């Protein structure tokens, strides 16, 4: 399903826009009756993109412990790939998730708004709740670089 969104993004050239990468974790995991879990990060991003463009596209690929979510707004020129890597025994435990949020967008205001939405998931901000060792291990990045990127947008 996600491949359709990726294909459209490539056709429109949205995957060539400025890339901003933020690392995050969810505050809550919403469990449905069908056993599908949806992290609050995904709900917040989906709602933001939908508010910007009601004709947006969304998709998902993967399953189980590794998923990628795709969001595309042609009207606002935003394309996002949100990678979720879970570890640990309980997949519904938010602390067991590490997210890489790739935002392809040339409009700085949209990037700031997305960063603020993710930061606002936690009352005192997302950075103090991050397990940087987990992020460093999963994505092969340095915590200092990730924190600097977050501070640039908050």
N, C-alpha and C. Protein backbone atom coordinates (compact mmCIF):
# COMPACT_ATOMS: atom_id res chain seq x y z
N UNK A 1 0.82 -1.19 0.00
CA UNK A 1 0.00 0.00 0.00
C UNK A 1 0.86 1.25 0.00
N UNK A 2 1.97 1.22 0.72
CA UNK A 2 2.84 2.38 0.79
C UNK A 2 3.52 2.66 -0.53
N UNK A 3 3.67 1.61 -1.35
CA UNK A 3 4.39 1.79 -2.61
C UNK A 3 3.67 2.76 -3.55
N UNK A 4 2.37 2.87 -3.44
CA UNK A 4 1.61 3.82 -4.27
C UNK A 4 2.00 5.24 -3.90
N UNK A 5 2.08 5.53 -2.60
CA UNK A 5 2.43 6.87 -2.14
C UNK A 5 3.87 7.20 -2.55
N UNK A 6 4.77 6.24 -2.41
CA UNK A 6 6.17 6.45 -2.80
C UNK A 6 6.25 6.72 -4.30
N UNK A 7 5.50 5.97 -5.08
CA UNK A 7 5.49 6.16 -6.53
C UNK A 7 5.00 7.55 -6.92
N UNK A 8 3.93 8.00 -6.29
CA UNK A 8 3.40 9.34 -6.57
C UNK A 8 4.41 10.40 -6.15
N UNK A 9 5.04 10.22 -4.99
CA UNK A 9 6.05 11.18 -4.52
C UNK A 9 7.19 11.30 -5.53
N UNK A 10 7.63 10.16 -6.07
CA UNK A 10 8.71 10.19 -7.06
C UNK A 10 8.26 10.85 -8.35
N UNK A 11 7.03 10.56 -8.78
CA UNK A 11 6.51 11.17 -10.00
C UNK A 11 6.41 12.69 -9.87
N UNK A 12 6.04 13.15 -8.69
CA UNK A 12 5.91 14.60 -8.46
C UNK A 12 7.23 15.26 -8.07
N UNK A 13 8.25 14.45 -7.83
CA UNK A 13 9.54 15.00 -7.44
C UNK A 13 9.61 15.44 -5.99
N UNK A 14 8.64 15.02 -5.18
CA UNK A 14 8.62 15.44 -3.77
C UNK A 14 9.75 14.80 -2.97
N UNK A 15 10.23 13.65 -3.41
CA UNK A 15 11.33 12.99 -2.71
C UNK A 15 12.68 13.68 -2.96
N UNK A 16 12.68 14.72 -3.77
CA UNK A 16 13.89 15.48 -4.05
C UNK A 16 13.90 16.82 -3.30
N UNK A 17 12.84 17.09 -2.54
CA UNK A 17 12.77 18.33 -1.76
C UNK A 17 13.74 18.25 -0.59
N UNK A 18 13.92 19.35 0.09
CA UNK A 18 14.80 19.41 1.27
C UNK A 18 14.39 18.34 2.28
N UNK A 19 15.36 17.58 2.77
CA UNK A 19 15.09 16.51 3.73
C UNK A 19 15.47 16.97 5.13
N UNK A 20 14.53 16.83 6.04
CA UNK A 20 14.76 17.07 7.47
C UNK A 20 14.43 15.77 8.18
N UNK A 21 15.33 15.30 9.04
CA UNK A 21 15.10 14.06 9.78
C UNK A 21 15.09 14.34 11.27
N UNK A 22 14.01 13.92 11.91
CA UNK A 22 13.87 14.03 13.36
C UNK A 22 13.67 12.61 13.91
N UNK A 23 14.13 12.39 15.12
CA UNK A 23 13.95 11.10 15.77
C UNK A 23 13.00 11.29 16.94
N UNK A 24 12.13 10.32 17.14
CA UNK A 24 11.06 10.49 18.13
C UNK A 24 10.66 9.15 18.72
N UNK A 25 9.74 9.23 19.67
CA UNK A 25 9.09 8.05 20.24
C UNK A 25 7.66 8.43 20.57
N UNK A 26 6.77 7.46 20.57
CA UNK A 26 5.38 7.77 20.89
C UNK A 26 5.17 7.91 22.40
N UNK A 27 4.12 8.60 22.75
CA UNK A 27 3.71 8.66 24.16
C UNK A 27 2.74 7.52 24.45
N UNK A 28 1.89 7.23 23.46
CA UNK A 28 0.88 6.17 23.61
C UNK A 28 0.80 5.35 22.33
N UNK A 29 0.36 4.11 22.49
CA UNK A 29 0.06 3.23 21.37
C UNK A 29 -1.43 2.91 21.48
N UNK A 30 -2.17 3.24 20.43
CA UNK A 30 -3.60 2.96 20.42
C UNK A 30 -3.82 1.56 19.86
N UNK A 31 -4.45 0.71 20.63
CA UNK A 31 -4.72 -0.66 20.21
C UNK A 31 -6.18 -0.75 19.75
N UNK A 32 -6.41 -1.31 18.57
CA UNK A 32 -7.77 -1.48 18.07
C UNK A 32 -8.25 -2.89 18.37
N UNK A 33 -9.54 -3.13 18.16
CA UNK A 33 -10.11 -4.44 18.40
C UNK A 33 -9.53 -5.50 17.47
N UNK A 34 -9.07 -5.07 16.30
CA UNK A 34 -8.48 -6.01 15.35
C UNK A 34 -7.04 -6.33 15.65
N UNK A 35 -6.51 -5.79 16.73
CA UNK A 35 -5.13 -6.07 17.12
C UNK A 35 -4.10 -5.18 16.46
N UNK A 36 -4.55 -4.19 15.70
CA UNK A 36 -3.63 -3.28 15.03
C UNK A 36 -3.26 -2.17 16.01
N UNK A 37 -1.99 -1.92 16.14
CA UNK A 37 -1.55 -0.84 17.02
C UNK A 37 -1.15 0.37 16.19
N UNK A 38 -1.56 1.55 16.66
CA UNK A 38 -1.24 2.80 15.98
C UNK A 38 -0.63 3.76 16.98
N UNK A 39 0.63 4.12 16.81
CA UNK A 39 1.27 5.08 17.70
C UNK A 39 0.66 6.47 17.54
N UNK A 40 0.61 7.23 18.65
CA UNK A 40 0.03 8.57 18.60
C UNK A 40 0.79 9.50 17.66
N UNK A 41 2.05 9.23 17.41
CA UNK A 41 2.82 10.04 16.45
C UNK A 41 2.16 9.97 15.08
N UNK A 42 1.78 8.78 14.67
CA UNK A 42 1.17 8.58 13.36
C UNK A 42 -0.18 9.29 13.28
N UNK A 43 -0.97 9.19 14.32
CA UNK A 43 -2.27 9.86 14.36
C UNK A 43 -2.08 11.37 14.26
N UNK A 44 -1.12 11.92 15.00
CA UNK A 44 -0.88 13.36 15.00
C UNK A 44 -0.40 13.85 13.63
N UNK A 45 0.51 13.12 13.01
CA UNK A 45 1.00 13.51 11.69
C UNK A 45 -0.11 13.41 10.66
N UNK A 46 -0.88 12.32 10.70
CA UNK A 46 -1.99 12.15 9.76
C UNK A 46 -2.99 13.29 9.89
N UNK A 47 -3.34 13.66 11.11
CA UNK A 47 -4.29 14.74 11.33
C UNK A 47 -3.73 16.07 10.83
N UNK A 48 -2.45 16.32 11.05
CA UNK A 48 -1.83 17.56 10.58
C UNK A 48 -1.86 17.63 9.05
N UNK A 49 -1.43 16.56 8.39
CA UNK A 49 -1.41 16.55 6.92
C UNK A 49 -2.83 16.68 6.37
N UNK A 50 -3.77 16.00 6.99
CA UNK A 50 -5.17 16.08 6.55
C UNK A 50 -5.71 17.50 6.71
N UNK A 51 -5.32 18.18 7.77
CA UNK A 51 -5.74 19.57 7.98
C UNK A 51 -5.17 20.47 6.89
N UNK A 52 -3.95 20.19 6.47
CA UNK A 52 -3.31 20.99 5.43
C UNK A 52 -3.92 20.72 4.05
N UNK A 53 -4.31 19.47 3.81
CA UNK A 53 -4.77 19.06 2.48
C UNK A 53 -5.68 17.84 2.63
N UNK A 54 -6.97 18.06 2.47
CA UNK A 54 -7.93 16.97 2.68
C UNK A 54 -7.83 15.88 1.61
N UNK A 55 -7.12 16.16 0.52
CA UNK A 55 -6.95 15.14 -0.52
C UNK A 55 -5.58 14.46 -0.42
N UNK A 56 -4.99 14.47 0.77
CA UNK A 56 -3.67 13.87 0.97
C UNK A 56 -3.70 12.37 0.74
N UNK A 57 -2.52 11.79 0.54
CA UNK A 57 -2.37 10.35 0.39
C UNK A 57 -1.63 9.80 1.60
N UNK A 58 -1.99 8.59 1.99
CA UNK A 58 -1.28 7.94 3.08
C UNK A 58 -1.15 6.46 2.77
N UNK A 59 -0.14 5.84 3.34
CA UNK A 59 0.07 4.42 3.14
C UNK A 59 0.95 3.87 4.24
N UNK A 60 1.09 2.56 4.23
CA UNK A 60 1.90 1.89 5.24
C UNK A 60 2.49 0.63 4.62
N UNK A 61 3.70 0.31 5.04
CA UNK A 61 4.31 -0.95 4.61
C UNK A 61 4.98 -1.59 5.82
N UNK A 62 5.32 -2.84 5.67
CA UNK A 62 5.93 -3.58 6.77
C UNK A 62 4.87 -4.13 7.69
N UNK A 63 5.30 -4.55 8.84
CA UNK A 63 4.37 -5.11 9.81
C UNK A 63 5.12 -5.62 11.01
N UNK A 64 4.40 -6.00 12.01
CA UNK A 64 5.05 -6.52 13.20
C UNK A 64 5.89 -5.47 13.90
N UNK A 65 7.18 -5.64 13.88
CA UNK A 65 8.08 -4.77 14.63
C UNK A 65 8.68 -3.63 13.81
N UNK A 66 8.59 -3.69 12.51
CA UNK A 66 9.14 -2.63 11.66
C UNK A 66 8.09 -2.19 10.65
N UNK A 67 7.72 -0.93 10.74
CA UNK A 67 6.73 -0.38 9.81
C UNK A 67 7.22 0.95 9.28
N UNK A 68 6.76 1.28 8.09
CA UNK A 68 7.00 2.60 7.52
C UNK A 68 5.65 3.17 7.11
N UNK A 69 5.41 4.39 7.54
CA UNK A 69 4.18 5.11 7.21
C UNK A 69 4.53 6.22 6.22
N UNK A 70 3.65 6.46 5.25
CA UNK A 70 3.89 7.44 4.21
C UNK A 70 2.74 8.44 4.19
N UNK A 71 3.09 9.72 4.06
CA UNK A 71 2.10 10.79 3.96
C UNK A 71 2.54 11.73 2.86
N UNK A 72 1.59 12.16 2.04
CA UNK A 72 1.90 13.04 0.93
C UNK A 72 0.80 14.08 0.75
N UNK A 73 1.19 15.33 0.69
CA UNK A 73 0.27 16.41 0.36
C UNK A 73 0.80 17.11 -0.87
N UNK A 74 0.13 16.90 -1.98
CA UNK A 74 0.57 17.55 -3.22
C UNK A 74 0.31 19.05 -3.13
N UNK A 75 -0.80 19.45 -2.54
CA UNK A 75 -1.14 20.87 -2.45
C UNK A 75 -0.12 21.66 -1.66
N UNK A 76 0.42 21.09 -0.57
CA UNK A 76 1.38 21.79 0.29
C UNK A 76 2.82 21.36 0.04
N UNK A 77 3.02 20.44 -0.90
CA UNK A 77 4.36 19.98 -1.24
C UNK A 77 5.09 19.40 -0.03
N UNK A 78 4.44 18.46 0.64
CA UNK A 78 5.00 17.76 1.79
C UNK A 78 4.94 16.26 1.52
N UNK A 79 6.06 15.60 1.73
CA UNK A 79 6.11 14.14 1.65
C UNK A 79 6.85 13.67 2.89
N UNK A 80 6.28 12.69 3.58
CA UNK A 80 6.89 12.19 4.81
C UNK A 80 6.97 10.67 4.79
N UNK A 81 8.09 10.17 5.29
CA UNK A 81 8.28 8.75 5.56
C UNK A 81 8.59 8.64 7.04
N UNK A 82 7.76 7.91 7.76
CA UNK A 82 7.93 7.76 9.21
C UNK A 82 8.22 6.28 9.47
N UNK A 83 9.46 6.02 9.87
CA UNK A 83 9.92 4.65 10.09
C UNK A 83 9.82 4.34 11.58
N UNK A 84 9.17 3.24 11.89
CA UNK A 84 8.99 2.79 13.27
C UNK A 84 9.70 1.45 13.43
N UNK A 85 10.69 1.42 14.33
CA UNK A 85 11.39 0.17 14.65
C UNK A 85 11.12 -0.13 16.12
N UNK A 86 10.50 -1.28 16.36
CA UNK A 86 10.16 -1.67 17.73
C UNK A 86 11.11 -2.76 18.21
N UNK A 87 11.38 -2.72 19.50
CA UNK A 87 12.20 -3.76 20.13
C UNK A 87 11.61 -4.05 21.50
N UNK A 88 12.05 -5.08 22.13
CA UNK A 88 11.50 -5.43 23.43
C UNK A 88 10.35 -6.40 23.29
N UNK A 89 9.91 -6.92 24.42
CA UNK A 89 8.88 -7.96 24.41
C UNK A 89 7.49 -7.41 24.10
N UNK A 90 7.13 -6.28 24.70
CA UNK A 90 5.78 -5.74 24.53
C UNK A 90 5.76 -4.67 23.45
N UNK A 91 5.12 -4.97 22.34
CA UNK A 91 5.07 -4.03 21.23
C UNK A 91 4.15 -2.85 21.52
N UNK A 92 3.24 -3.00 22.48
CA UNK A 92 2.34 -1.90 22.81
C UNK A 92 2.95 -0.95 23.84
N UNK A 93 4.16 -1.21 24.28
CA UNK A 93 4.87 -0.32 25.20
C UNK A 93 5.54 0.78 24.37
N UNK A 94 5.12 2.05 24.54
CA UNK A 94 5.68 3.13 23.73
C UNK A 94 7.21 3.26 23.84
N UNK A 95 7.77 2.92 24.98
CA UNK A 95 9.21 3.05 25.14
C UNK A 95 9.99 2.04 24.31
N UNK A 96 9.31 1.06 23.75
CA UNK A 96 9.96 0.06 22.90
C UNK A 96 10.00 0.48 21.43
N UNK A 97 9.57 1.69 21.12
CA UNK A 97 9.53 2.16 19.73
C UNK A 97 10.53 3.29 19.52
N UNK A 98 11.17 3.27 18.37
CA UNK A 98 12.09 4.33 17.95
C UNK A 98 11.68 4.75 16.54
N UNK A 99 11.42 6.04 16.37
CA UNK A 99 10.93 6.57 15.10
C UNK A 99 11.97 7.44 14.41
N UNK A 100 12.03 7.31 13.10
CA UNK A 100 12.77 8.23 12.26
C UNK A 100 11.73 8.93 11.39
N UNK A 101 11.62 10.24 11.54
CA UNK A 101 10.63 11.02 10.81
C UNK A 101 11.35 11.80 9.72
N UNK A 102 11.19 11.37 8.47
CA UNK A 102 11.82 12.03 7.33
C UNK A 102 10.79 12.95 6.67
N UNK A 103 11.09 14.24 6.69
CA UNK A 103 10.18 15.24 6.14
C UNK A 103 10.82 15.83 4.89
N UNK A 104 10.18 15.63 3.75
CA UNK A 104 10.64 16.22 2.50
C UNK A 104 9.76 17.44 2.23
N UNK A 105 10.34 18.61 2.40
CA UNK A 105 9.55 19.84 2.28
C UNK A 105 10.50 21.03 2.22
N UNK A 106 10.22 21.98 1.36
CA UNK A 106 11.05 23.19 1.28
C UNK A 106 10.52 24.31 2.17
N UNK A 107 9.32 24.19 2.67
CA UNK A 107 8.69 25.23 3.48
C UNK A 107 9.04 25.03 4.96
N UNK A 108 9.88 25.91 5.49
CA UNK A 108 10.34 25.77 6.87
C UNK A 108 9.20 25.83 7.89
N UNK A 109 8.18 26.60 7.60
CA UNK A 109 7.06 26.72 8.53
C UNK A 109 6.38 25.37 8.77
N UNK A 110 6.23 24.57 7.73
CA UNK A 110 5.61 23.26 7.89
C UNK A 110 6.49 22.33 8.72
N UNK A 111 7.80 22.41 8.51
CA UNK A 111 8.72 21.58 9.28
C UNK A 111 8.64 21.96 10.76
N UNK A 112 8.61 23.25 11.05
CA UNK A 112 8.49 23.72 12.43
C UNK A 112 7.18 23.26 13.06
N UNK A 113 6.10 23.32 12.30
CA UNK A 113 4.81 22.89 12.83
C UNK A 113 4.80 21.39 13.13
N UNK A 114 5.38 20.59 12.26
CA UNK A 114 5.44 19.15 12.49
C UNK A 114 6.29 18.85 13.72
N UNK A 115 7.43 19.52 13.84
CA UNK A 115 8.29 19.33 15.01
C UNK A 115 7.55 19.71 16.29
N UNK A 116 6.80 20.79 16.25
CA UNK A 116 6.06 21.23 17.44
C UNK A 116 4.95 20.24 17.80
N UNK A 117 4.29 19.69 16.81
CA UNK A 117 3.24 18.69 17.06
C UNK A 117 3.83 17.47 17.76
N UNK A 118 4.98 17.00 17.28
CA UNK A 118 5.62 15.84 17.91
C UNK A 118 6.11 16.18 19.31
N UNK A 119 6.66 17.36 19.48
CA UNK A 119 7.13 17.79 20.79
C UNK A 119 5.98 17.90 21.79
N UNK A 120 4.83 18.35 21.32
CA UNK A 120 3.67 18.56 22.20
C UNK A 120 2.98 17.27 22.63
N UNK A 121 3.40 16.13 22.10
CA UNK A 121 2.83 14.86 22.56
C UNK A 121 3.13 14.65 24.04
N UNK A 122 4.22 15.23 24.52
CA UNK A 122 4.61 15.15 25.92
C UNK A 122 4.47 16.53 26.56
N UNK A 123 3.96 16.56 27.78
CA UNK A 123 3.72 17.84 28.46
C UNK A 123 4.99 18.68 28.59
N UNK A 124 6.11 18.04 28.84
CA UNK A 124 7.36 18.78 29.02
C UNK A 124 8.31 18.59 27.85
N UNK A 125 7.80 18.26 26.70
CA UNK A 125 8.60 18.11 25.49
C UNK A 125 9.11 16.69 25.29
N UNK A 126 9.38 16.37 24.06
CA UNK A 126 9.75 15.00 23.69
C UNK A 126 11.20 14.67 24.04
N UNK A 127 12.09 15.65 24.00
CA UNK A 127 13.52 15.36 24.13
C UNK A 127 13.88 14.70 25.45
N UNK A 128 13.24 15.08 26.54
CA UNK A 128 13.57 14.49 27.84
C UNK A 128 13.07 13.05 27.97
N UNK A 129 12.22 12.63 27.06
CA UNK A 129 11.66 11.28 27.11
C UNK A 129 12.34 10.31 26.13
N UNK A 130 13.30 10.80 25.39
CA UNK A 130 13.95 9.98 24.38
C UNK A 130 14.97 9.03 25.00
N UNK A 131 15.03 7.83 24.45
CA UNK A 131 16.07 6.87 24.80
C UNK A 131 17.10 6.96 23.67
N UNK A 132 18.07 7.85 23.83
CA UNK A 132 19.01 8.13 22.75
C UNK A 132 19.88 6.94 22.43
N UNK A 133 20.15 6.08 23.40
CA UNK A 133 20.93 4.86 23.13
C UNK A 133 20.18 3.97 22.14
N UNK A 134 18.87 3.88 22.32
CA UNK A 134 18.04 3.07 21.41
C UNK A 134 18.05 3.68 20.01
N UNK A 135 17.91 4.99 19.92
CA UNK A 135 17.93 5.69 18.63
C UNK A 135 19.29 5.48 17.95
N UNK A 136 20.36 5.66 18.71
CA UNK A 136 21.71 5.48 18.15
C UNK A 136 21.91 4.05 17.65
N UNK A 137 21.42 3.09 18.40
CA UNK A 137 21.57 1.69 17.99
C UNK A 137 20.74 1.32 16.78
N UNK A 138 19.53 1.79 16.73
CA UNK A 138 18.61 1.43 15.64
C UNK A 138 18.96 2.13 14.33
N UNK A 139 19.36 3.41 14.42
CA UNK A 139 19.52 4.22 13.21
C UNK A 139 20.96 4.64 12.91
N UNK A 140 21.91 4.22 13.76
CA UNK A 140 23.33 4.53 13.53
C UNK A 140 23.57 6.03 13.38
N UNK A 141 23.04 6.80 14.33
CA UNK A 141 23.22 8.25 14.37
C UNK A 141 23.78 8.62 15.74
N UNK A 142 24.18 9.87 15.89
CA UNK A 142 24.70 10.36 17.16
C UNK A 142 23.63 11.20 17.84
N UNK A 143 23.45 10.99 19.14
CA UNK A 143 22.42 11.70 19.90
C UNK A 143 22.61 13.21 19.82
N UNK A 144 23.85 13.68 19.91
CA UNK A 144 24.10 15.12 19.87
C UNK A 144 23.62 15.74 18.56
N UNK A 145 23.82 15.05 17.46
CA UNK A 145 23.36 15.54 16.16
C UNK A 145 21.83 15.59 16.10
N UNK A 146 21.19 14.57 16.66
CA UNK A 146 19.72 14.49 16.67
C UNK A 146 19.13 15.61 17.52
N UNK A 147 19.73 15.85 18.68
CA UNK A 147 19.26 16.90 19.58
C UNK A 147 19.45 18.27 18.93
N UNK A 148 20.58 18.48 18.27
CA UNK A 148 20.83 19.74 17.58
C UNK A 148 19.79 19.99 16.50
N UNK A 149 19.43 18.95 15.77
CA UNK A 149 18.41 19.10 14.72
C UNK A 149 17.06 19.45 15.32
N UNK A 150 16.70 18.79 16.42
CA UNK A 150 15.44 19.11 17.11
C UNK A 150 15.45 20.57 17.57
N UNK A 151 16.53 20.99 18.20
CA UNK A 151 16.60 22.37 18.72
C UNK A 151 16.51 23.41 17.63
N UNK A 152 16.94 23.06 16.45
CA UNK A 152 16.84 23.96 15.29
C UNK A 152 15.38 24.26 14.93
N UNK A 153 14.50 23.29 15.17
CA UNK A 153 13.10 23.42 14.74
C UNK A 153 12.14 23.77 15.86
N UNK A 154 12.57 23.70 17.11
CA UNK A 154 11.67 24.03 18.22
C UNK A 154 11.77 25.50 18.61
